């Protein structure tokens, strides 16, 4: 199984809708950097491990174009031979993809959880995020729900 390395946004979003356990159910263990832990600002469960990138230069280079959490997350993923990176920010996702990293986002995690029967209603979870003030474009919602419906 790949190293699953998460940026802050996924942790914040899943905690807002009380679905933090999805990460443990799907991946057993998730890795974050100290920077992400600081940005998250809350206690983290035992299944989340802290690891920092060895190459400070990579982090500093990425911080020129991304925030510190995203930069440290991508830098750590680049050091891993086999990783899945959880990023929601479009710019960070594009950079990670261009660097050859395998990526997913919070909605991808929710969709996978639905497909595996960990959650029952994907649309309900998306609505919960929106009720908490999270903006998600209609085109992204439609795309993820279309994929969900095609899995039935």
N, C-alpha and C. Protein backbone atom coordinates (compact mmCIF):
# COMPACT_ATOMS: atom_id res chain seq x y z
N UNK A 1 0.85 -1.19 0.00
CA UNK A 1 0.00 0.00 0.00
C UNK A 1 0.89 1.25 0.00
N UNK A 2 0.49 2.24 -0.77
CA UNK A 2 1.32 3.46 -0.83
C UNK A 2 1.28 4.24 0.49
N UNK A 3 2.30 5.09 0.67
CA UNK A 3 2.25 6.05 1.77
C UNK A 3 1.17 7.06 1.42
N UNK A 4 0.24 7.29 2.31
CA UNK A 4 -0.82 8.28 2.09
C UNK A 4 -0.42 9.53 2.86
N UNK A 5 -0.18 10.61 2.12
CA UNK A 5 0.33 11.85 2.69
C UNK A 5 -0.71 12.95 2.48
N UNK A 6 -1.16 13.55 3.56
CA UNK A 6 -2.26 14.52 3.47
C UNK A 6 -1.81 15.94 3.78
N UNK A 7 -2.43 16.86 3.04
CA UNK A 7 -2.32 18.27 3.36
C UNK A 7 -3.41 18.61 4.40
N UNK A 8 -3.40 19.81 4.86
CA UNK A 8 -4.29 20.25 5.94
C UNK A 8 -5.77 20.25 5.56
N UNK A 9 -6.10 20.66 4.35
CA UNK A 9 -7.51 20.87 3.99
C UNK A 9 -8.36 19.63 4.20
N UNK A 10 -7.87 18.48 3.82
CA UNK A 10 -8.63 17.24 3.99
C UNK A 10 -8.93 16.99 5.47
N UNK A 11 -7.94 17.19 6.31
CA UNK A 11 -8.14 16.98 7.75
C UNK A 11 -9.21 17.92 8.29
N UNK A 12 -9.13 19.18 7.88
CA UNK A 12 -10.11 20.18 8.34
C UNK A 12 -11.51 19.83 7.85
N UNK A 13 -11.62 19.51 6.56
CA UNK A 13 -12.94 19.24 5.98
C UNK A 13 -13.58 18.01 6.59
N UNK A 14 -12.83 16.92 6.71
CA UNK A 14 -13.41 15.70 7.28
C UNK A 14 -13.76 15.88 8.75
N UNK A 15 -12.96 16.66 9.48
CA UNK A 15 -13.30 16.88 10.89
C UNK A 15 -14.55 17.74 11.02
N UNK A 16 -14.76 18.68 10.09
CA UNK A 16 -15.95 19.54 10.14
C UNK A 16 -17.25 18.74 9.99
N UNK A 17 -17.18 17.63 9.24
CA UNK A 17 -18.39 16.82 9.03
C UNK A 17 -18.33 15.50 9.82
N UNK A 18 -17.48 15.48 10.83
CA UNK A 18 -17.33 14.30 11.70
C UNK A 18 -17.08 13.01 10.92
N UNK A 19 -16.23 13.09 9.90
CA UNK A 19 -15.92 11.90 9.11
C UNK A 19 -14.41 11.61 9.09
N UNK A 20 -13.72 12.04 10.12
CA UNK A 20 -12.28 11.83 10.22
C UNK A 20 -11.91 10.35 10.11
N UNK A 21 -12.77 9.49 10.65
CA UNK A 21 -12.51 8.05 10.65
C UNK A 21 -12.42 7.43 9.27
N UNK A 22 -12.95 8.12 8.26
CA UNK A 22 -12.87 7.60 6.89
C UNK A 22 -11.42 7.36 6.50
N UNK A 23 -10.54 8.27 6.88
CA UNK A 23 -9.12 8.12 6.52
C UNK A 23 -8.56 6.83 7.09
N UNK A 24 -8.88 6.53 8.34
CA UNK A 24 -8.40 5.29 8.96
C UNK A 24 -9.02 4.08 8.28
N UNK A 25 -10.31 4.15 7.99
CA UNK A 25 -11.00 3.03 7.33
C UNK A 25 -10.42 2.73 5.95
N UNK A 26 -10.10 3.78 5.21
CA UNK A 26 -9.59 3.60 3.85
C UNK A 26 -8.11 3.23 3.81
N UNK A 27 -7.32 3.89 4.65
CA UNK A 27 -5.86 3.81 4.48
C UNK A 27 -5.11 3.25 5.69
N UNK A 28 -5.80 3.03 6.80
CA UNK A 28 -5.18 2.53 8.02
C UNK A 28 -4.23 3.53 8.67
N UNK A 29 -3.36 4.13 7.87
CA UNK A 29 -2.38 5.09 8.38
C UNK A 29 -2.23 6.24 7.38
N UNK A 30 -2.11 7.43 7.90
CA UNK A 30 -1.92 8.63 7.07
C UNK A 30 -0.73 9.39 7.64
N UNK A 31 0.05 9.98 6.75
CA UNK A 31 1.23 10.74 7.16
C UNK A 31 0.98 12.23 6.90
N UNK A 32 1.37 13.06 7.87
CA UNK A 32 1.36 14.50 7.67
C UNK A 32 2.70 15.06 8.16
N UNK A 33 3.00 16.27 7.73
CA UNK A 33 4.23 16.93 8.18
C UNK A 33 3.92 17.75 9.43
N UNK A 34 4.98 18.18 10.12
CA UNK A 34 4.80 19.07 11.27
C UNK A 34 4.07 20.35 10.87
N UNK A 35 4.37 20.85 9.68
CA UNK A 35 3.72 22.07 9.20
C UNK A 35 2.21 21.87 9.09
N UNK A 36 1.80 20.73 8.53
CA UNK A 36 0.37 20.42 8.40
C UNK A 36 -0.26 20.27 9.79
N UNK A 37 0.44 19.62 10.69
CA UNK A 37 -0.08 19.46 12.06
C UNK A 37 -0.32 20.82 12.70
N UNK A 38 0.62 21.73 12.54
CA UNK A 38 0.49 23.08 13.09
C UNK A 38 -0.68 23.82 12.44
N UNK A 39 -0.80 23.73 11.11
CA UNK A 39 -1.91 24.38 10.41
C UNK A 39 -3.25 23.82 10.87
N UNK A 40 -3.32 22.51 11.07
CA UNK A 40 -4.57 21.87 11.50
C UNK A 40 -4.97 22.38 12.89
N UNK A 41 -4.02 22.47 13.78
CA UNK A 41 -4.24 23.12 15.07
C UNK A 41 -5.04 22.35 16.09
N UNK A 42 -5.42 21.13 15.80
CA UNK A 42 -6.16 20.31 16.75
C UNK A 42 -5.36 19.04 17.03
N UNK A 43 -5.78 18.31 18.05
CA UNK A 43 -5.15 17.02 18.32
C UNK A 43 -5.39 16.09 17.14
N UNK A 44 -4.39 15.28 16.85
CA UNK A 44 -4.55 14.33 15.74
C UNK A 44 -4.65 12.92 16.31
N UNK A 45 -5.46 12.07 15.67
CA UNK A 45 -5.59 10.70 16.16
C UNK A 45 -4.31 9.89 15.94
N UNK A 46 -4.23 8.76 16.64
CA UNK A 46 -3.03 7.91 16.59
C UNK A 46 -2.70 7.38 15.20
N UNK A 47 -3.71 7.20 14.34
CA UNK A 47 -3.42 6.62 13.03
C UNK A 47 -2.71 7.61 12.10
N UNK A 48 -2.63 8.87 12.50
CA UNK A 48 -1.91 9.87 11.72
C UNK A 48 -0.50 10.00 12.27
N UNK A 49 0.46 9.77 11.40
CA UNK A 49 1.88 9.81 11.78
C UNK A 49 2.52 11.10 11.26
N UNK A 50 3.51 11.58 11.99
CA UNK A 50 4.24 12.79 11.58
C UNK A 50 5.56 12.39 10.95
N UNK A 51 5.82 12.94 9.78
CA UNK A 51 7.10 12.72 9.11
C UNK A 51 7.40 14.00 8.33
N UNK A 52 8.65 14.39 8.32
CA UNK A 52 9.02 15.62 7.61
C UNK A 52 9.95 15.30 6.45
N UNK A 53 9.89 16.12 5.39
CA UNK A 53 10.80 15.88 4.27
C UNK A 53 12.25 16.10 4.68
N UNK A 54 13.15 15.33 4.08
CA UNK A 54 14.58 15.47 4.36
C UNK A 54 15.18 16.66 3.62
N UNK A 55 14.63 16.96 2.46
CA UNK A 55 15.21 17.99 1.60
C UNK A 55 14.54 19.35 1.85
N UNK A 56 15.12 20.13 2.72
CA UNK A 56 14.59 21.46 3.03
C UNK A 56 14.55 22.34 1.77
N UNK A 57 15.50 22.11 0.87
CA UNK A 57 15.55 22.87 -0.38
C UNK A 57 14.27 22.68 -1.19
N UNK A 58 13.78 21.44 -1.25
CA UNK A 58 12.53 21.16 -1.98
C UNK A 58 11.37 21.94 -1.38
N UNK A 59 11.30 21.95 -0.06
CA UNK A 59 10.22 22.67 0.61
C UNK A 59 10.32 24.16 0.30
N UNK A 60 11.50 24.72 0.46
CA UNK A 60 11.70 26.16 0.22
C UNK A 60 11.36 26.52 -1.23
N UNK A 61 11.74 25.66 -2.17
CA UNK A 61 11.44 25.92 -3.58
C UNK A 61 9.93 25.93 -3.81
N UNK A 62 9.24 24.93 -3.26
CA UNK A 62 7.79 24.85 -3.43
C UNK A 62 7.06 25.97 -2.71
N UNK A 63 7.63 26.46 -1.60
CA UNK A 63 6.99 27.56 -0.86
C UNK A 63 6.99 28.86 -1.65
N UNK A 64 7.78 28.93 -2.71
CA UNK A 64 7.75 30.12 -3.57
C UNK A 64 6.40 30.25 -4.29
N UNK A 65 5.72 29.09 -4.49
CA UNK A 65 4.48 29.11 -5.26
C UNK A 65 3.27 28.52 -4.52
N UNK A 66 3.51 27.87 -3.39
CA UNK A 66 2.43 27.25 -2.63
C UNK A 66 2.53 27.64 -1.16
N UNK A 67 1.48 27.36 -0.39
CA UNK A 67 1.60 27.62 1.04
C UNK A 67 2.48 26.55 1.68
N UNK A 68 2.89 26.77 2.91
CA UNK A 68 3.86 25.90 3.58
C UNK A 68 3.37 24.46 3.74
N UNK A 69 2.10 24.29 4.07
CA UNK A 69 1.55 22.94 4.23
C UNK A 69 1.59 22.15 2.94
N UNK A 70 1.13 22.78 1.87
CA UNK A 70 1.15 22.12 0.56
C UNK A 70 2.58 21.83 0.13
N UNK A 71 3.48 22.78 0.34
CA UNK A 71 4.88 22.62 -0.05
C UNK A 71 5.51 21.44 0.68
N UNK A 72 5.31 21.37 2.00
CA UNK A 72 5.92 20.28 2.77
C UNK A 72 5.30 18.93 2.41
N UNK A 73 4.00 18.92 2.13
CA UNK A 73 3.31 17.68 1.75
C UNK A 73 3.85 17.15 0.43
N UNK A 74 3.96 18.02 -0.57
CA UNK A 74 4.47 17.60 -1.88
C UNK A 74 5.93 17.19 -1.78
N UNK A 75 6.73 17.95 -1.03
CA UNK A 75 8.15 17.61 -0.88
C UNK A 75 8.31 16.23 -0.24
N UNK A 76 7.51 15.93 0.77
CA UNK A 76 7.57 14.62 1.42
C UNK A 76 7.15 13.52 0.44
N UNK A 77 6.10 13.77 -0.32
CA UNK A 77 5.63 12.78 -1.30
C UNK A 77 6.69 12.50 -2.36
N UNK A 78 7.42 13.52 -2.76
CA UNK A 78 8.48 13.33 -3.75
C UNK A 78 9.59 12.42 -3.22
N UNK A 79 9.79 12.40 -1.92
CA UNK A 79 10.82 11.55 -1.31
C UNK A 79 10.35 10.12 -1.12
N UNK A 80 9.06 9.89 -1.22
CA UNK A 80 8.50 8.55 -1.05
C UNK A 80 8.48 7.84 -2.40
N UNK A 81 8.83 6.58 -2.40
CA UNK A 81 8.85 5.82 -3.66
C UNK A 81 7.45 5.58 -4.20
N UNK A 82 6.50 5.44 -3.29
CA UNK A 82 5.14 5.10 -3.69
C UNK A 82 4.19 5.84 -2.75
N UNK A 83 3.57 6.90 -3.26
CA UNK A 83 2.70 7.67 -2.37
C UNK A 83 1.42 8.10 -3.07
N UNK A 84 0.42 8.36 -2.26
CA UNK A 84 -0.82 8.97 -2.69
C UNK A 84 -0.93 10.26 -1.89
N UNK A 85 -1.06 11.38 -2.59
CA UNK A 85 -1.08 12.68 -1.93
C UNK A 85 -2.50 13.23 -1.92
N UNK A 86 -2.95 13.65 -0.75
CA UNK A 86 -4.29 14.22 -0.60
C UNK A 86 -4.17 15.74 -0.62
N UNK A 87 -4.64 16.34 -1.71
CA UNK A 87 -4.59 17.79 -1.90
C UNK A 87 -5.93 18.27 -2.46
N UNK A 88 -6.41 19.40 -2.00
CA UNK A 88 -7.65 19.97 -2.53
C UNK A 88 -7.40 21.22 -3.37
N UNK A 89 -6.36 21.96 -3.08
CA UNK A 89 -6.07 23.20 -3.79
C UNK A 89 -5.69 22.90 -5.24
N UNK A 90 -6.37 23.56 -6.18
CA UNK A 90 -6.17 23.29 -7.60
C UNK A 90 -4.72 23.50 -8.04
N UNK A 91 -4.13 24.60 -7.62
CA UNK A 91 -2.74 24.90 -8.00
C UNK A 91 -1.80 23.81 -7.48
N UNK A 92 -1.97 23.42 -6.23
CA UNK A 92 -1.13 22.38 -5.63
C UNK A 92 -1.33 21.05 -6.34
N UNK A 93 -2.57 20.75 -6.71
CA UNK A 93 -2.86 19.49 -7.43
C UNK A 93 -2.17 19.47 -8.78
N UNK A 94 -2.23 20.61 -9.50
CA UNK A 94 -1.57 20.68 -10.81
C UNK A 94 -0.07 20.48 -10.69
N UNK A 95 0.53 21.13 -9.70
CA UNK A 95 1.98 21.00 -9.50
C UNK A 95 2.33 19.57 -9.14
N UNK A 96 1.59 18.97 -8.23
CA UNK A 96 1.85 17.58 -7.83
C UNK A 96 1.73 16.64 -9.02
N UNK A 97 0.70 16.85 -9.82
CA UNK A 97 0.49 16.01 -11.00
C UNK A 97 1.65 16.18 -11.99
N UNK A 98 2.07 17.42 -12.21
CA UNK A 98 3.19 17.68 -13.11
C UNK A 98 4.49 17.05 -12.61
N UNK A 99 4.60 16.88 -11.30
CA UNK A 99 5.78 16.24 -10.70
C UNK A 99 5.66 14.72 -10.69
N UNK A 100 4.57 14.21 -11.25
CA UNK A 100 4.39 12.76 -11.36
C UNK A 100 3.80 12.08 -10.14
N UNK A 101 3.21 12.86 -9.25
CA UNK A 101 2.63 12.29 -8.04
C UNK A 101 1.19 11.84 -8.28
N UNK A 102 0.79 10.79 -7.59
CA UNK A 102 -0.58 10.31 -7.65
C UNK A 102 -1.37 11.11 -6.61
N UNK A 103 -2.49 11.70 -7.02
CA UNK A 103 -3.23 12.59 -6.12
C UNK A 103 -4.70 12.19 -5.99
N UNK A 104 -5.27 12.60 -4.89
CA UNK A 104 -6.71 12.55 -4.68
C UNK A 104 -7.04 13.77 -3.83
N UNK A 105 -8.33 13.98 -3.61
CA UNK A 105 -8.76 15.09 -2.77
C UNK A 105 -9.83 14.62 -1.80
N UNK A 106 -10.34 15.52 -1.03
CA UNK A 106 -11.36 15.17 -0.04
C UNK A 106 -12.58 14.54 -0.70
N UNK A 107 -13.03 15.12 -1.82
CA UNK A 107 -14.20 14.55 -2.50
C UNK A 107 -13.89 13.16 -3.05
N UNK A 108 -12.68 12.96 -3.54
CA UNK A 108 -12.27 11.64 -4.01
C UNK A 108 -12.28 10.62 -2.88
N UNK A 109 -11.86 11.05 -1.71
CA UNK A 109 -11.87 10.17 -0.54
C UNK A 109 -13.31 9.83 -0.15
N UNK A 110 -14.19 10.83 -0.15
CA UNK A 110 -15.60 10.57 0.16
C UNK A 110 -16.22 9.62 -0.87
N UNK A 111 -15.89 9.82 -2.15
CA UNK A 111 -16.42 8.94 -3.21
C UNK A 111 -15.92 7.51 -3.03
N UNK A 112 -14.65 7.36 -2.70
CA UNK A 112 -14.10 6.01 -2.47
C UNK A 112 -14.76 5.37 -1.25
N UNK A 113 -14.99 6.16 -0.20
CA UNK A 113 -15.65 5.64 1.00
C UNK A 113 -17.07 5.18 0.67
N UNK A 114 -17.75 5.91 -0.19
CA UNK A 114 -19.11 5.53 -0.61
C UNK A 114 -19.05 4.23 -1.41
N UNK A 115 -18.12 4.15 -2.35
CA UNK A 115 -17.98 2.96 -3.20
C UNK A 115 -17.71 1.71 -2.36
N UNK A 116 -16.94 1.86 -1.29
CA UNK A 116 -16.58 0.72 -0.44
C UNK A 116 -17.58 0.49 0.70
N UNK A 117 -18.65 1.29 0.74
CA UNK A 117 -19.69 1.10 1.74
C UNK A 117 -19.37 1.65 3.12
N UNK A 118 -18.35 2.51 3.20
CA UNK A 118 -17.98 3.11 4.49
C UNK A 118 -18.96 4.22 4.86
N UNK A 119 -19.42 4.95 3.85
CA UNK A 119 -20.51 5.91 4.04
C UNK A 119 -21.65 5.52 3.11
N UNK A 120 -22.86 5.91 3.46
CA UNK A 120 -24.02 5.51 2.66
C UNK A 120 -24.38 6.53 1.59
N UNK A 121 -24.24 7.81 1.90
CA UNK A 121 -24.78 8.84 1.02
C UNK A 121 -23.73 9.91 0.72
N UNK A 122 -23.16 9.85 -0.46
CA UNK A 122 -22.12 10.80 -0.87
C UNK A 122 -22.68 12.22 -0.97
N UNK A 123 -23.85 12.34 -1.58
CA UNK A 123 -24.45 13.67 -1.76
C UNK A 123 -24.71 14.34 -0.41
N UNK A 124 -25.13 13.56 0.58
CA UNK A 124 -25.36 14.10 1.92
C UNK A 124 -24.07 14.66 2.51
N UNK A 125 -22.96 13.95 2.33
CA UNK A 125 -21.67 14.42 2.87
C UNK A 125 -21.23 15.71 2.17
N UNK A 126 -21.44 15.78 0.86
CA UNK A 126 -21.10 17.00 0.12
C UNK A 126 -21.97 18.16 0.62
N UNK A 127 -23.26 17.90 0.82
CA UNK A 127 -24.16 18.94 1.35
C UNK A 127 -23.72 19.40 2.73
N UNK A 128 -23.25 18.47 3.57
CA UNK A 128 -22.75 18.82 4.90
C UNK A 128 -21.56 19.77 4.80
N UNK A 129 -20.65 19.47 3.88
CA UNK A 129 -19.50 20.36 3.67
C UNK A 129 -19.97 21.76 3.29
N UNK A 130 -20.94 21.82 2.37
CA UNK A 130 -21.45 23.11 1.93
C UNK A 130 -22.14 23.86 3.07
N UNK A 131 -22.87 23.14 3.92
CA UNK A 131 -23.52 23.76 5.07
C UNK A 131 -22.49 24.37 6.03
N UNK A 132 -21.31 23.78 6.06
CA UNK A 132 -20.23 24.28 6.93
C UNK A 132 -19.46 25.43 6.27
N UNK A 133 -19.95 25.88 5.10
CA UNK A 133 -19.35 27.04 4.45
C UNK A 133 -18.26 26.71 3.45
N UNK A 134 -18.14 25.44 3.09
CA UNK A 134 -17.12 25.05 2.12
C UNK A 134 -17.69 25.22 0.72
N UNK A 135 -16.99 25.98 -0.11
CA UNK A 135 -17.44 26.18 -1.48
C UNK A 135 -16.89 25.07 -2.36
N UNK A 136 -17.78 24.44 -3.11
CA UNK A 136 -17.39 23.42 -4.08
C UNK A 136 -18.12 23.76 -5.37
N UNK A 137 -17.39 23.82 -6.47
CA UNK A 137 -18.02 24.21 -7.74
C UNK A 137 -19.07 23.17 -8.15
N UNK A 138 -20.13 23.66 -8.78
CA UNK A 138 -21.21 22.78 -9.24
C UNK A 138 -20.68 21.74 -10.22
N UNK A 139 -19.73 22.13 -11.08
CA UNK A 139 -19.21 21.18 -12.06
C UNK A 139 -18.47 20.03 -11.38
N UNK A 140 -17.74 20.34 -10.31
CA UNK A 140 -17.03 19.28 -9.56
C UNK A 140 -18.05 18.37 -8.87
N UNK A 141 -19.06 18.96 -8.25
CA UNK A 141 -20.10 18.16 -7.59
C UNK A 141 -20.79 17.25 -8.59
N UNK A 142 -21.18 17.82 -9.73
CA UNK A 142 -21.87 17.02 -10.75
C UNK A 142 -21.00 15.88 -11.24
N UNK A 143 -19.72 16.15 -11.45
CA UNK A 143 -18.79 15.12 -11.93
C UNK A 143 -18.65 13.99 -10.91
N UNK A 144 -18.48 14.33 -9.65
CA UNK A 144 -18.28 13.31 -8.61
C UNK A 144 -19.57 12.50 -8.40
N UNK A 145 -20.73 13.15 -8.49
CA UNK A 145 -21.99 12.43 -8.34
C UNK A 145 -22.27 11.55 -9.55
N UNK A 146 -21.85 12.00 -10.73
CA UNK A 146 -22.01 11.19 -11.94
C UNK A 146 -21.18 9.91 -11.82
N UNK A 147 -19.95 10.04 -11.34
CA UNK A 147 -19.09 8.88 -11.13
C UNK A 147 -19.71 7.94 -10.09
N UNK A 148 -20.26 8.54 -9.03
CA UNK A 148 -20.89 7.74 -7.97
C UNK A 148 -22.07 6.95 -8.54
N UNK A 149 -22.89 7.60 -9.33
CA UNK A 149 -24.06 6.92 -9.89
C UNK A 149 -23.65 5.82 -10.87
N UNK A 150 -22.55 6.01 -11.60
CA UNK A 150 -22.10 4.99 -12.55
C UNK A 150 -21.51 3.77 -11.85
N UNK A 151 -21.21 3.89 -10.56
CA UNK A 151 -20.68 2.76 -9.79
C UNK A 151 -21.79 1.85 -9.27
N UNK A 152 -23.04 2.20 -9.51
CA UNK A 152 -24.15 1.36 -9.01
C UNK A 152 -24.54 0.32 -9.99
